[in-house]
């Protein structure tokens, strides 16, 4: 319950659903980025409402999964259908 990811980058993941959770209440993604992820499964596989706050999602729109359960609060979330968009800038965090 009440899990919050802040300024996280979810990238270069393969297979299965990237974000999968069942029975989780209060899941929040704040200033997170999702890019360069591949697979036949959807990006989001969630059964409860979750919250997107100022995130950047670079993923084909037909494979977003349960994005209809997302509520956008605070800063607007940006969607881009190209998972390898060249406009993604390094935050100098994590792998280079």
PDB file of N, CA and C in Angstrom:
ATOM      1  N   UNK A   1       0.837  -1.188   0.000  1.00  0.00           N
ATOM      2  CA  UNK A   1       0.000   0.000   0.000  1.00  0.00           C
ATOM      3  C   UNK A   1       0.880   1.250   0.000  1.00  0.00           C
ATOM      4  N   UNK A   2       0.359   2.293  -0.638  1.00  0.00           N
ATOM      5  CA  UNK A   2       0.993   3.605  -0.636  1.00  0.00           C
ATOM      6  C   UNK A   2       2.458   3.555  -1.076  1.00  0.00           C
ATOM      7  N   UNK A   3       2.708   2.964  -2.239  1.00  0.00           N
ATOM      8  CA  UNK A   3       4.052   2.909  -2.804  1.00  0.00           C
ATOM      9  C   UNK A   3       4.220   4.099  -3.742  1.00  0.00           C
ATOM     10  N   UNK A   4       5.338   4.814  -3.586  1.00  0.00           N
ATOM     11  CA  UNK A   4       5.580   5.987  -4.423  1.00  0.00           C
ATOM     12  C   UNK A   4       6.972   5.904  -5.044  1.00  0.00           C
ATOM     13  N   UNK A   5       7.028   6.036  -6.377  1.00  0.00           N
ATOM     14  CA  UNK A   5       8.287   6.096  -7.098  1.00  0.00           C
ATOM     15  C   UNK A   5       8.497   7.551  -7.497  1.00  0.00           C
ATOM     16  N   UNK A   6       9.621   8.141  -7.118  1.00  0.00           N
ATOM     17  CA  UNK A   6       9.913   9.535  -7.416  1.00  0.00           C
ATOM     18  C   UNK A   6      11.208   9.640  -8.214  1.00  0.00           C
ATOM     19  N   UNK A   7      11.147  10.338  -9.346  1.00  0.00           N
ATOM     20  CA  UNK A   7      12.298  10.567 -10.224  1.00  0.00           C
ATOM     21  C   UNK A   7      13.009   9.257 -10.559  1.00  0.00           C
ATOM     22  N   UNK A   8      12.240   8.274 -10.970  1.00  0.00           N
ATOM     23  CA  UNK A   8      12.784   6.970 -11.374  1.00  0.00           C
ATOM     24  C   UNK A   8      12.713   6.825 -12.883  1.00  0.00           C
ATOM     25  N   UNK A   9      13.691   6.125 -13.446  1.00  0.00           N
ATOM     26  CA  UNK A   9      13.685   5.803 -14.868  1.00  0.00           C
ATOM     27  C   UNK A   9      13.504   4.306 -15.022  1.00  0.00           C
ATOM     28  N   UNK A  10      12.489   3.915 -15.787  1.00  0.00           N
ATOM     29  CA  UNK A  10      12.215   2.517 -16.081  1.00  0.00           C
ATOM     30  C   UNK A  10      12.554   2.321 -17.557  1.00  0.00           C
ATOM     31  N   UNK A  11      13.698   1.662 -17.851  1.00  0.00           N
ATOM     32  CA  UNK A  11      14.125   1.548 -19.239  1.00  0.00           C
ATOM     33  C   UNK A  11      14.871   0.246 -19.512  1.00  0.00           C
ATOM     34  N   UNK A  12      14.914  -0.098 -20.804  1.00  0.00           N
ATOM     35  CA  UNK A  12      15.608  -1.296 -21.284  1.00  0.00           C
ATOM     36  C   UNK A  12      15.102  -2.577 -20.632  1.00  0.00           C
ATOM     37  N   UNK A  13      13.823  -2.665 -20.394  1.00  0.00           N
ATOM     38  CA  UNK A  13      13.222  -3.874 -19.838  1.00  0.00           C
ATOM     39  C   UNK A  13      12.622  -4.694 -20.974  1.00  0.00           C
ATOM     40  N   UNK A  14      12.638  -6.003 -20.816  1.00  0.00           N
ATOM     41  CA  UNK A  14      12.141  -6.912 -21.841  1.00  0.00           C
ATOM     42  C   UNK A  14      11.139  -7.887 -21.241  1.00  0.00           C
ATOM     43  N   UNK A  15      10.209  -8.358 -22.074  1.00  0.00           N
ATOM     44  CA  UNK A  15       9.273  -9.413 -21.706  1.00  0.00           C
ATOM     45  C   UNK A  15       8.312  -8.992 -20.590  1.00  0.00           C
ATOM     46  N   UNK A  16       7.249  -9.698 -20.477  1.00  0.00           N
ATOM     47  CA  UNK A  16       6.244  -9.526 -19.433  1.00  0.00           C
ATOM     48  C   UNK A  16       5.806  -8.075 -19.302  1.00  0.00           C
ATOM     49  N   UNK A  17       4.881  -7.819 -18.426  1.00  0.00           N
ATOM     50  CA  UNK A  17       4.441  -6.451 -18.181  1.00  0.00           C
ATOM     51  C   UNK A  17       5.512  -5.735 -17.353  1.00  0.00           C
ATOM     52  N   UNK A  18       5.779  -4.501 -17.685  1.00  0.00           N
ATOM     53  CA  UNK A  18       6.797  -3.767 -16.952  1.00  0.00           C
ATOM     54  C   UNK A  18       6.323  -3.457 -15.531  1.00  0.00           C
ATOM     55  N   UNK A  19       5.154  -2.870 -15.426  1.00  0.00           N
ATOM     56  CA  UNK A  19       4.604  -2.516 -14.115  1.00  0.00           C
ATOM     57  C   UNK A  19       3.403  -3.411 -13.878  1.00  0.00           C
ATOM     58  N   UNK A  20       3.546  -4.355 -12.986  1.00  0.00           N
ATOM     59  CA  UNK A  20       2.476  -5.310 -12.703  1.00  0.00           C
ATOM     60  C   UNK A  20       2.230  -5.349 -11.203  1.00  0.00           C
ATOM     61  N   UNK A  21       0.991  -5.153 -10.817  1.00  0.00           N
ATOM     62  CA  UNK A  21       0.642  -5.201  -9.391  1.00  0.00           C
ATOM     63  C   UNK A  21      -0.849  -5.488  -9.253  1.00  0.00           C
ATOM     64  N   UNK A  22      -1.184  -6.267  -8.267  1.00  0.00           N
ATOM     65  CA  UNK A  22      -2.578  -6.630  -8.004  1.00  0.00           C
ATOM     66  C   UNK A  22      -2.892  -6.324  -6.550  1.00  0.00           C
ATOM     67  N   UNK A  23      -3.971  -5.601  -6.323  1.00  0.00           N
ATOM     68  CA  UNK A  23      -4.399  -5.287  -4.965  1.00  0.00           C
ATOM     69  C   UNK A  23      -3.583  -4.196  -4.298  1.00  0.00           C
ATOM     70  N   UNK A  24      -2.870  -3.391  -5.090  1.00  0.00           N
ATOM     71  CA  UNK A  24      -2.056  -2.309  -4.532  1.00  0.00           C
ATOM     72  C   UNK A  24      -2.873  -1.023  -4.545  1.00  0.00           C
ATOM     73  N   UNK A  25      -2.997  -0.389  -3.407  1.00  0.00           N
ATOM     74  CA  UNK A  25      -3.693   0.889  -3.302  1.00  0.00           C
ATOM     75  C   UNK A  25      -2.671   2.001  -3.087  1.00  0.00           C
ATOM     76  N   UNK A  26      -2.875   3.131  -3.741  1.00  0.00           N
ATOM     77  CA  UNK A  26      -2.015   4.286  -3.526  1.00  0.00           C
ATOM     78  C   UNK A  26      -0.685   4.231  -4.256  1.00  0.00           C
ATOM     79  N   UNK A  27      -0.634   3.589  -5.414  1.00  0.00           N
ATOM     80  CA  UNK A  27       0.593   3.525  -6.210  1.00  0.00           C
ATOM     81  C   UNK A  27       0.763   4.838  -6.970  1.00  0.00           C
ATOM     82  N   UNK A  28       1.923   5.495  -6.786  1.00  0.00           N
ATOM     83  CA  UNK A  28       2.174   6.805  -7.381  1.00  0.00           C
ATOM     84  C   UNK A  28       3.499   6.791  -8.136  1.00  0.00           C
ATOM     85  N   UNK A  29       3.479   7.374  -9.333  1.00  0.00           N
ATOM     86  CA  UNK A  29       4.694   7.610 -10.105  1.00  0.00           C
ATOM     87  C   UNK A  29       4.821   9.120 -10.250  1.00  0.00           C
ATOM     88  N   UNK A  30       5.854   9.702  -9.651  1.00  0.00           N
ATOM     89  CA  UNK A  30       6.058  11.141  -9.633  1.00  0.00           C
ATOM     90  C   UNK A  30       7.360  11.471 -10.363  1.00  0.00           C
ATOM     91  N   UNK A  31       7.266  12.203 -11.472  1.00  0.00           N
ATOM     92  CA  UNK A  31       8.437  12.598 -12.265  1.00  0.00           C
ATOM     93  C   UNK A  31       9.240  11.388 -12.722  1.00  0.00           C
ATOM     94  N   UNK A  32       8.558  10.337 -13.139  1.00  0.00           N
ATOM     95  CA  UNK A  32       9.217   9.114 -13.621  1.00  0.00           C
ATOM     96  C   UNK A  32       9.211   9.086 -15.141  1.00  0.00           C
ATOM     97  N   UNK A  33      10.167   8.324 -15.705  1.00  0.00           N
ATOM     98  CA  UNK A  33      10.239   8.167 -17.152  1.00  0.00           C
ATOM     99  C   UNK A  33      10.235   6.682 -17.497  1.00  0.00           C
ATOM    100  N   UNK A  34       9.497   6.352 -18.541  1.00  0.00           N
ATOM    101  CA  UNK A  34       9.387   4.986 -19.044  1.00  0.00           C
ATOM    102  C   UNK A  34       9.805   5.032 -20.510  1.00  0.00           C
ATOM    103  N   UNK A  35      10.938   4.382 -20.861  1.00  0.00           N
ATOM    104  CA  UNK A  35      11.395   4.435 -22.244  1.00  0.00           C
ATOM    105  C   UNK A  35      12.257   3.225 -22.596  1.00  0.00           C
ATOM    106  N   UNK A  36      12.364   2.949 -23.892  1.00  0.00           N
ATOM    107  CA  UNK A  36      13.176   1.852 -24.439  1.00  0.00           C
ATOM    108  C   UNK A  36      12.812   0.501 -23.821  1.00  0.00           C
ATOM    109  N   UNK A  37      11.530   0.275 -23.572  1.00  0.00           N
ATOM    110  CA  UNK A  37      11.047  -1.005 -23.043  1.00  0.00           C
ATOM    111  C   UNK A  37      10.407  -1.793 -24.180  1.00  0.00           C
ATOM    112  N   UNK A  38      10.604  -3.115 -24.188  1.00  0.00           N
ATOM    113  CA  UNK A  38      10.142  -3.952 -25.290  1.00  0.00           C
ATOM    114  C   UNK A  38       9.437  -5.194 -24.784  1.00  0.00           C
ATOM    115  N   UNK A  39       8.539  -5.713 -25.564  1.00  0.00           N
ATOM    116  CA  UNK A  39       7.869  -6.956 -25.238  1.00  0.00           C
ATOM    117  C   UNK A  39       6.462  -6.982 -25.805  1.00  0.00           C
ATOM    118  N   UNK A  40       5.841  -8.142 -25.749  1.00  0.00           N
ATOM    119  CA  UNK A  40       4.485  -8.292 -26.257  1.00  0.00           C
ATOM    120  C   UNK A  40       3.430  -7.913 -25.218  1.00  0.00           C
ATOM    121  N   UNK A  41       3.820  -7.867 -23.969  1.00  0.00           N
ATOM    122  CA  UNK A  41       2.883  -7.560 -22.883  1.00  0.00           C
ATOM    123  C   UNK A  41       2.733  -6.039 -22.741  1.00  0.00           C
ATOM    124  N   UNK A  42       1.683  -5.606 -22.063  1.00  0.00           N
ATOM    125  CA  UNK A  42       1.463  -4.169 -21.881  1.00  0.00           C
ATOM    126  C   UNK A  42       2.469  -3.547 -20.905  1.00  0.00           C
ATOM    127  N   UNK A  43       2.611  -2.229 -21.009  1.00  0.00           N
ATOM    128  CA  UNK A  43       3.482  -1.503 -20.097  1.00  0.00           C
ATOM    129  C   UNK A  43       2.934  -1.544 -18.668  1.00  0.00           C
ATOM    130  N   UNK A  44       1.643  -1.276 -18.506  1.00  0.00           N
ATOM    131  CA  UNK A  44       1.006  -1.300 -17.194  1.00  0.00           C
ATOM    132  C   UNK A  44       0.015  -2.455 -17.115  1.00  0.00           C
ATOM    133  N   UNK A  45       0.116  -3.245 -16.077  1.00  0.00           N
ATOM    134  CA  UNK A  45      -0.843  -4.316 -15.813  1.00  0.00           C
ATOM    135  C   UNK A  45      -1.240  -4.209 -14.342  1.00  0.00           C
ATOM    136  N   UNK A  46      -2.221  -3.355 -14.087  1.00  0.00           N
ATOM    137  CA  UNK A  46      -2.642  -3.039 -12.718  1.00  0.00           C
ATOM    138  C   UNK A  46      -4.153  -3.186 -12.598  1.00  0.00           C
ATOM    139  N   UNK A  47      -4.604  -3.600 -11.432  1.00  0.00           N
ATOM    140  CA  UNK A  47      -6.044  -3.770 -11.257  1.00  0.00           C
ATOM    141  C   UNK A  47      -6.690  -2.642 -10.458  1.00  0.00           C
ATOM    142  N   UNK A  48      -5.905  -1.731  -9.918  1.00  0.00           N
ATOM    143  CA  UNK A  48      -6.442  -0.614  -9.136  1.00  0.00           C
ATOM    144  C   UNK A  48      -6.009   0.714  -9.745  1.00  0.00           C
ATOM    145  N   UNK A  49      -6.648   1.784  -9.321  1.00  0.00           N
ATOM    146  CA  UNK A  49      -6.271   3.122  -9.739  1.00  0.00           C
ATOM    147  C   UNK A  49      -4.839   3.406  -9.305  1.00  0.00           C
ATOM    148  N   UNK A  50      -4.072   4.054 -10.207  1.00  0.00           N
ATOM    149  CA  UNK A  50      -2.733   4.510  -9.845  1.00  0.00           C
ATOM    150  C   UNK A  50      -2.592   5.952 -10.318  1.00  0.00           C
ATOM    151  N   UNK A  51      -1.558   6.626  -9.846  1.00  0.00           N
ATOM    152  CA  UNK A  51      -1.429   8.060 -10.070  1.00  0.00           C
ATOM    153  C   UNK A  51      -0.154   8.387 -10.824  1.00  0.00           C
ATOM    154  N   UNK A  52      -0.279   9.193 -11.874  1.00  0.00           N
ATOM    155  CA  UNK A  52       0.849   9.684 -12.653  1.00  0.00           C
ATOM    156  C   UNK A  52       0.965  11.180 -12.410  1.00  0.00           C
ATOM    157  N   UNK A  53       2.147  11.625 -11.989  1.00  0.00           N
ATOM    158  CA  UNK A  53       2.378  13.037 -11.690  1.00  0.00           C
ATOM    159  C   UNK A  53       3.608  13.508 -12.462  1.00  0.00           C
ATOM    160  N   UNK A  54       3.407  14.179 -13.578  1.00  0.00           N
ATOM    161  CA  UNK A  54       4.517  14.745 -14.334  1.00  0.00           C
ATOM    162  C   UNK A  54       5.475  13.715 -14.897  1.00  0.00           C
ATOM    163  N   UNK A  55       4.974  12.586 -15.336  1.00  0.00           N
ATOM    164  CA  UNK A  55       5.826  11.530 -15.887  1.00  0.00           C
ATOM    165  C   UNK A  55       6.002  11.711 -17.394  1.00  0.00           C
ATOM    166  N   UNK A  56       6.982  10.991 -17.943  1.00  0.00           N
ATOM    167  CA  UNK A  56       7.209  10.943 -19.380  1.00  0.00           C
ATOM    168  C   UNK A  56       7.135   9.483 -19.789  1.00  0.00           C
ATOM    169  N   UNK A  57       6.181   9.173 -20.662  1.00  0.00           N
ATOM    170  CA  UNK A  57       5.984   7.785 -21.080  1.00  0.00           C
ATOM    171  C   UNK A  57       6.230   7.694 -22.577  1.00  0.00           C
ATOM    172  N   UNK A  58       7.310   7.018 -22.943  1.00  0.00           N
ATOM    173  CA  UNK A  58       7.691   6.788 -24.335  1.00  0.00           C
ATOM    174  C   UNK A  58       7.399   5.325 -24.627  1.00  0.00           C
ATOM    175  N   UNK A  59       6.226   5.062 -25.150  1.00  0.00           N
ATOM    176  CA  UNK A  59       5.794   3.685 -25.375  1.00  0.00           C
ATOM    177  C   UNK A  59       4.655   3.685 -26.391  1.00  0.00           C
ATOM    178  N   UNK A  60       4.612   2.686 -27.280  1.00  0.00           N
ATOM    179  CA  UNK A  60       3.501   2.642 -28.242  1.00  0.00           C
ATOM    180  C   UNK A  60       2.146   2.685 -27.528  1.00  0.00           C
ATOM    181  N   UNK A  61       1.276   3.563 -27.969  1.00  0.00           N
ATOM    182  CA  UNK A  61       0.006   3.771 -27.277  1.00  0.00           C
ATOM    183  C   UNK A  61      -0.874   2.530 -27.252  1.00  0.00           C
ATOM    184  N   UNK A  62      -0.742   1.647 -28.257  1.00  0.00           N
ATOM    185  CA  UNK A  62      -1.578   0.445 -28.276  1.00  0.00           C
ATOM    186  C   UNK A  62      -1.122  -0.601 -27.260  1.00  0.00           C
ATOM    187  N   UNK A  63       0.022  -0.382 -26.610  1.00  0.00           N
ATOM    188  CA  UNK A  63       0.534  -1.343 -25.633  1.00  0.00           C
ATOM    189  C   UNK A  63       0.710  -0.727 -24.247  1.00  0.00           C
ATOM    190  N   UNK A  64      -0.109   0.250 -23.907  1.00  0.00           N
ATOM    191  CA  UNK A  64      -0.004   0.863 -22.581  1.00  0.00           C
ATOM    192  C   UNK A  64      -0.675   0.033 -21.496  1.00  0.00           C
ATOM    193  N   UNK A  65      -1.578  -0.857 -21.872  1.00  0.00           N
ATOM    194  CA  UNK A  65      -2.241  -1.709 -20.879  1.00  0.00           C
ATOM    195  C   UNK A  65      -3.303  -0.963 -20.106  1.00  0.00           C
ATOM    196  N   UNK A  66      -3.277  -1.082 -18.794  1.00  0.00           N
ATOM    197  CA  UNK A  66      -4.344  -0.542 -17.941  1.00  0.00           C
ATOM    198  C   UNK A  66      -4.160   0.939 -17.631  1.00  0.00           C
ATOM    199  N   UNK A  67      -3.720   1.713 -18.642  1.00  0.00           N
ATOM    200  CA  UNK A  67      -3.543   3.153 -18.458  1.00  0.00           C
ATOM    201  C   UNK A  67      -4.883   3.828 -18.156  1.00  0.00           C
ATOM    202  N   UNK A  68      -5.990   3.192 -18.497  1.00  0.00           N
ATOM    203  CA  UNK A  68      -7.307   3.753 -18.210  1.00  0.00           C
ATOM    204  C   UNK A  68      -7.566   3.844 -16.712  1.00  0.00           C
ATOM    205  N   UNK A  69      -6.777   3.153 -15.903  1.00  0.00           N
ATOM    206  CA  UNK A  69      -6.925   3.226 -14.455  1.00  0.00           C
ATOM    207  C   UNK A  69      -6.083   4.345 -13.843  1.00  0.00           C
ATOM    208  N   UNK A  70      -5.331   5.065 -14.683  1.00  0.00           N
ATOM    209  CA  UNK A  70      -4.437   6.121 -14.193  1.00  0.00           C
ATOM    210  C   UNK A  70      -5.194   7.421 -13.979  1.00  0.00           C
ATOM    211  N   UNK A  71      -4.885   8.064 -12.883  1.00  0.00           N
ATOM    212  CA  UNK A  71      -5.381   9.411 -12.629  1.00  0.00           C
ATOM    213  C   UNK A  71      -4.175  10.336 -12.674  1.00  0.00           C
ATOM    214  N   UNK A  72      -4.325  11.422 -13.430  1.00  0.00           N
ATOM    215  CA  UNK A  72      -3.219  12.348 -13.540  1.00  0.00           C
ATOM    216  C   UNK A  72      -3.442  13.505 -12.587  1.00  0.00           C
ATOM    217  N   UNK A  73      -2.498  13.662 -11.686  1.00  0.00           N
ATOM    218  CA  UNK A  73      -2.591  14.736 -10.698  1.00  0.00           C
ATOM    219  C   UNK A  73      -1.321  15.565 -10.776  1.00  0.00           C
ATOM    220  N   UNK A  74      -1.400  16.813 -10.373  1.00  0.00           N
ATOM    221  CA  UNK A  74      -0.220  17.673 -10.392  1.00  0.00           C
ATOM    222  C   UNK A  74       0.221  17.980 -11.807  1.00  0.00           C
ATOM    223  N   UNK A  75       1.534  17.907 -12.052  1.00  0.00           N
ATOM    224  CA  UNK A  75       2.090  18.205 -13.367  1.00  0.00           C
ATOM    225  C   UNK A  75       1.576  17.206 -14.393  1.00  0.00           C
ATOM    226  N   UNK A  76       1.415  17.678 -15.616  1.00  0.00           N
ATOM    227  CA  UNK A  76       0.865  16.849 -16.691  1.00  0.00           C
ATOM    228  C   UNK A  76       1.866  15.780 -17.134  1.00  0.00           C
ATOM    229  N   UNK A  77       1.372  14.585 -17.383  1.00  0.00           N
ATOM    230  CA  UNK A  77       2.177  13.493 -17.908  1.00  0.00           C
ATOM    231  C   UNK A  77       2.230  13.597 -19.424  1.00  0.00           C
ATOM    232  N   UNK A  78       3.418  13.373 -19.998  1.00  0.00           N
ATOM    233  CA  UNK A  78       3.639  13.457 -21.438  1.00  0.00           C
ATOM    234  C   UNK A  78       3.702  12.048 -22.013  1.00  0.00           C
ATOM    235  N   UNK A  79       2.983  11.818 -23.098  1.00  0.00           N
ATOM    236  CA  UNK A  79       2.991  10.524 -23.782  1.00  0.00           C
ATOM    237  C   UNK A  79       3.628  10.697 -25.160  1.00  0.00           C
ATOM    238  N   UNK A  80       4.474   9.737 -25.534  1.00  0.00           N
ATOM    239  CA  UNK A  80       5.117   9.734 -26.837  1.00  0.00           C
ATOM    240  C   UNK A  80       5.165   8.289 -27.305  1.00  0.00           C
ATOM    241  N   UNK A  81       4.675   8.016 -28.507  1.00  0.00           N
ATOM    242  CA  UNK A  81       4.588   6.635 -28.999  1.00  0.00           C
ATOM    243  C   UNK A  81       5.942   6.043 -29.395  1.00  0.00           C
ATOM    244  N   UNK A  82       6.998   6.857 -29.463  1.00  0.00           N
ATOM    245  CA  UNK A  82       8.323   6.375 -29.852  1.00  0.00           C
ATOM    246  C   UNK A  82       9.154   6.053 -28.611  1.00  0.00           C
ATOM    247  N   UNK A  83       9.398   4.764 -28.313  1.00  0.00           N
ATOM    248  CA  UNK A  83      10.154   4.409 -27.110  1.00  0.00           C
ATOM    249  C   UNK A  83      11.625   4.792 -27.175  1.00  0.00           C
ATOM    250  N   UNK A  84      12.122   5.172 -28.356  1.00  0.00           N
ATOM    251  CA  UNK A  84      13.531   5.533 -28.513  1.00  0.00           C
ATOM    252  C   UNK A  84      13.710   6.985 -28.944  1.00  0.00           C
ATOM    253  N   UNK A  85      12.812   7.841 -28.555  1.00  0.00           N
ATOM    254  CA  UNK A  85      12.865   9.249 -28.911  1.00  0.00           C
ATOM    255  C   UNK A  85      14.216   9.841 -28.504  1.00  0.00           C
ATOM    256  N   UNK A  86      14.826  10.604 -29.390  1.00  0.00           N
ATOM    257  CA  UNK A  86      16.148  11.198 -29.139  1.00  0.00           C
ATOM    258  C   UNK A  86      16.093  12.382 -28.172  1.00  0.00           C
ATOM    259  N   UNK A  87      14.890  12.845 -27.819  1.00  0.00           N
ATOM    260  CA  UNK A  87      14.767  13.976 -26.904  1.00  0.00           C
ATOM    261  C   UNK A  87      14.909  13.578 -25.439  1.00  0.00           C
ATOM    262  N   UNK A  88      15.048  12.289 -25.153  1.00  0.00           N
ATOM    263  CA  UNK A  88      15.211  11.844 -23.773  1.00  0.00           C
ATOM    264  C   UNK A  88      16.613  12.224 -23.310  1.00  0.00           C
ATOM    265  N   UNK A  89      16.688  13.069 -22.318  1.00  0.00           N
ATOM    266  CA  UNK A  89      17.967  13.570 -21.813  1.00  0.00           C
ATOM    267  C   UNK A  89      18.370  12.828 -20.544  1.00  0.00           C
ATOM    268  N   UNK A  90      19.674  12.666 -20.382  1.00  0.00           N
ATOM    269  CA  UNK A  90      20.199  12.021 -19.179  1.00  0.00           C
ATOM    270  C   UNK A  90      19.929  12.899 -17.967  1.00  0.00           C
ATOM    271  N   UNK A  91      19.631  12.267 -16.844  1.00  0.00           N
ATOM    272  CA  UNK A  91      19.481  12.982 -15.575  1.00  0.00           C
ATOM    273  C   UNK A  91      20.723  12.781 -14.709  1.00  0.00           C
ATOM    274  N   UNK A  92      21.736  12.130 -15.301  1.00  0.00           N
ATOM    275  CA  UNK A  92      22.963  11.810 -14.573  1.00  0.00           C
ATOM    276  C   UNK A  92      22.701  10.914 -13.372  1.00  0.00           C
ATOM    277  N   UNK A  93      21.705  10.051 -13.519  1.00  0.00           N
ATOM    278  CA  UNK A  93      21.383   9.065 -12.489  1.00  0.00           C
ATOM    279  C   UNK A  93      21.390   7.694 -13.140  1.00  0.00           C
ATOM    280  N   UNK A  94      21.769   6.686 -12.419  1.00  0.00           N
ATOM    281  CA  UNK A  94      21.697   5.313 -12.901  1.00  0.00           C
ATOM    282  C   UNK A  94      22.708   5.026 -13.987  1.00  0.00           C
ATOM    283  N   UNK A  95      22.493   3.945 -14.723  1.00  0.00           N
ATOM    284  CA  UNK A  95      23.444   3.543 -15.772  1.00  0.00           C
ATOM    285  C   UNK A  95      23.529   4.579 -16.881  1.00  0.00           C
ATOM    286  N   UNK A  96      24.676   4.701 -17.476  1.00  0.00           N
ATOM    287  CA  UNK A  96      24.893   5.662 -18.570  1.00  0.00           C
ATOM    288  C   UNK A  96      24.852   4.958 -19.889  1.00  0.00           C
TER     289      UNK A  96
END
